[in-house]
Amino acid sequence: MSYANPYEKYRENSVKTASQGELTLMLFEGCWKFLKKAKTAIIEKNVSEAHNNLIKAQKIVLELMNSLNFNYEISHDLYSVYDYIYRELIKINMKKDAERLEPIIEIIYGYYETWKEVIKKDRISKHAGVSDGGYV
């Protein structure tokens, strides 16, 4: 497979070699970036750009919902939050409401920051020789 852009090759390799936790972090980071782009597009009245970025964020939220492990009690709570976010994104996309988007951006960013800490602590514990290897 030939890559016109070396960054694409790097990105593909990053995804292929990432742990479950790192993949979850990537999803939150991507969602957060798409939501910020959508908000900017809404403010600039670029309806098409806003729509495209909100759809990308919705797809990521669906992936987060589908990747939950329901053997953990917290997964049921996370599912409810993700479902709320997904439904809000549909409403926001219909009305192109930047104000309503802000709390969703904050929630996603909060999860992103939390997962960064989870990954950091997991790496520290692995280097110390202690890890349960499990993620929600």
Protein backbone atom coordinates (compact mmCIF):
# COMPACT_ATOMS: atom_id res chain seq x y z
CA MET A 1 0.00 0.00 0.00
CA SER A 2 1.45 3.34 -1.05
CA TYR A 3 0.97 6.48 1.03
CA ALA A 4 1.13 9.93 -0.49
CA ASN A 5 1.49 11.39 2.98
CA PRO A 6 3.91 9.93 5.55
CA TYR A 7 1.66 11.26 8.31
CA GLU A 8 -1.14 8.94 7.10
CA LYS A 9 1.20 5.95 7.41
CA TYR A 10 2.20 7.05 10.92
CA ARG A 11 -1.43 7.56 11.91
CA GLU A 12 -2.46 4.15 10.58
CA ASN A 13 0.39 2.47 12.46
CA SER A 14 -0.54 4.36 15.63
CA VAL A 15 -4.08 3.03 15.47
CA LYS A 16 -2.97 -0.53 14.68
CA THR A 17 -0.57 -0.65 17.64
CA ALA A 18 -2.68 1.24 20.19
CA SER A 19 -4.12 -0.37 23.30
CA GLN A 20 -7.87 -0.31 23.96
CA GLY A 21 -7.37 2.64 26.31
CA GLU A 22 -5.28 4.53 23.76
CA LEU A 23 -7.94 3.94 21.09
CA THR A 24 -10.58 5.31 23.44
CA LEU A 25 -8.41 8.36 24.05
CA MET A 26 -8.05 8.85 20.27
CA LEU A 27 -11.83 8.69 19.88
CA PHE A 28 -12.38 11.35 22.53
CA GLU A 29 -9.67 13.54 21.04
CA GLY A 30 -11.14 13.23 17.54
CA CYS A 31 -14.65 13.92 18.79
CA TRP A 32 -13.49 16.99 20.70
CA LYS A 33 -11.67 18.35 17.64
CA PHE A 34 -14.70 17.78 15.38
CA LEU A 35 -16.97 19.50 17.91
CA LYS A 36 -14.69 22.53 18.11
CA LYS A 37 -14.60 22.74 14.31
CA ALA A 38 -18.40 22.42 14.21
CA LYS A 39 -18.80 25.24 16.72
CA THR A 40 -16.52 27.52 14.69
CA ALA A 41 -18.41 26.63 11.51
CA ILE A 42 -21.76 27.36 13.17
CA ILE A 43 -20.52 30.75 14.35
CA GLU A 44 -19.20 31.49 10.85
CA LYS A 45 -22.54 30.36 9.34
CA ASN A 46 -20.83 27.61 7.35
CA VAL A 47 -23.72 25.16 7.49
CA SER A 48 -22.08 22.43 5.42
CA GLU A 49 -18.85 22.43 7.47
CA ALA A 50 -20.83 22.42 10.72
CA HIS A 51 -22.99 19.52 9.52
CA ASN A 52 -20.01 17.44 8.37
CA ASN A 53 -18.14 17.87 11.66
CA LEU A 54 -21.22 17.15 13.76
CA ILE A 55 -21.85 13.96 11.77
CA LYS A 56 -18.23 12.88 12.37
CA ALA A 57 -18.65 13.53 16.10
CA GLN A 58 -21.93 11.57 16.12
CA LYS A 59 -20.19 8.59 14.49
CA ILE A 60 -17.47 8.68 17.14
CA VAL A 61 -20.06 8.77 19.93
CA LEU A 62 -21.75 5.74 18.37
CA GLU A 63 -18.39 3.96 18.30
CA LEU A 64 -17.88 4.80 21.97
CA MET A 65 -21.33 3.38 22.74
CA ASN A 66 -20.61 0.20 20.78
CA SER A 67 -17.23 -0.32 22.43
CA LEU A 68 -18.51 -0.39 26.01
CA ASN A 69 -17.93 -3.53 28.04
CA PHE A 70 -21.16 -4.10 29.96
CA ASN A 71 -19.44 -6.46 32.40
CA TYR A 72 -18.59 -3.27 34.26
CA GLU A 73 -21.38 -1.37 36.03
CA ILE A 74 -19.99 2.01 34.93
CA SER A 75 -20.56 1.07 31.29
CA HIS A 76 -24.31 1.35 31.81
CA ASP A 77 -23.88 4.90 33.13
CA LEU A 78 -21.50 5.80 30.31
CA TYR A 79 -23.99 4.47 27.79
CA SER A 80 -26.63 6.84 29.15
CA VAL A 81 -24.24 9.78 28.90
CA TYR A 82 -23.18 8.85 25.36
CA ASP A 83 -26.82 8.40 24.35
CA TYR A 84 -27.61 11.87 25.73
CA ILE A 85 -24.65 13.36 23.83
CA TYR A 86 -25.66 11.61 20.62
CA ARG A 87 -29.24 12.88 20.84
CA GLU A 88 -28.04 16.40 21.65
CA LEU A 89 -25.73 16.37 18.64
CA ILE A 90 -28.67 15.50 16.39
CA LYS A 91 -30.67 18.43 17.80
CA ILE A 92 -27.68 20.77 17.58
CA ASN A 93 -27.11 19.73 13.98
CA MET A 94 -30.72 20.41 13.08
CA LYS A 95 -30.69 23.91 14.60
CA LYS A 96 -26.96 24.72 14.24
CA ASP A 97 -26.96 25.89 17.86
CA ALA A 98 -23.42 26.83 19.01
CA GLU A 99 -24.59 27.73 22.52
CA ARG A 100 -26.15 24.30 23.03
CA LEU A 101 -22.97 22.69 21.69
CA GLU A 102 -20.69 24.20 24.36
CA PRO A 103 -21.73 21.86 27.24
CA ILE A 104 -21.25 18.85 24.96
CA ILE A 105 -17.75 20.04 24.07
CA GLU A 106 -17.01 20.38 27.79
CA ILE A 107 -18.26 16.86 28.55
CA ILE A 108 -16.21 15.31 25.76
CA TYR A 109 -13.14 17.31 26.76
CA GLY A 110 -13.58 16.13 30.35
CA TYR A 111 -13.63 12.50 29.22
CA TYR A 112 -10.60 13.18 27.01
CA GLU A 113 -8.65 14.59 29.97
CA THR A 114 -9.75 11.69 32.18
CA TRP A 115 -8.60 9.11 29.63
CA LYS A 116 -5.26 10.88 29.28
CA GLU A 117 -4.79 10.37 33.03
CA VAL A 118 -5.92 6.73 32.81
CA ILE A 119 -3.36 6.06 30.07
CA LYS A 120 -0.64 7.88 32.00
CA LYS A 121 -1.33 5.92 35.20
CA ASP A 122 -1.55 2.65 33.28
CA ARG A 123 1.85 3.28 31.69
CA ILE A 124 3.35 4.11 35.08
CA SER A 125 1.92 0.96 36.64
CA LYS A 126 3.11 -1.18 33.70
CA HIS A 127 6.62 0.17 34.11
CA ALA A 128 6.36 -0.64 37.80
CA GLY A 129 5.26 -4.16 36.88
CA VAL A 130 1.68 -3.77 38.12
CA SER A 131 -1.30 -3.67 35.76
CA ASP A 132 -4.68 -5.26 35.58
CA GLY A 133 -4.81 -4.44 31.86
CA GLY A 134 -8.54 -3.82 31.97
CA TYR A 135 -10.50 -0.89 30.65
CA VAL A 136 -14.17 -0.12 30.79
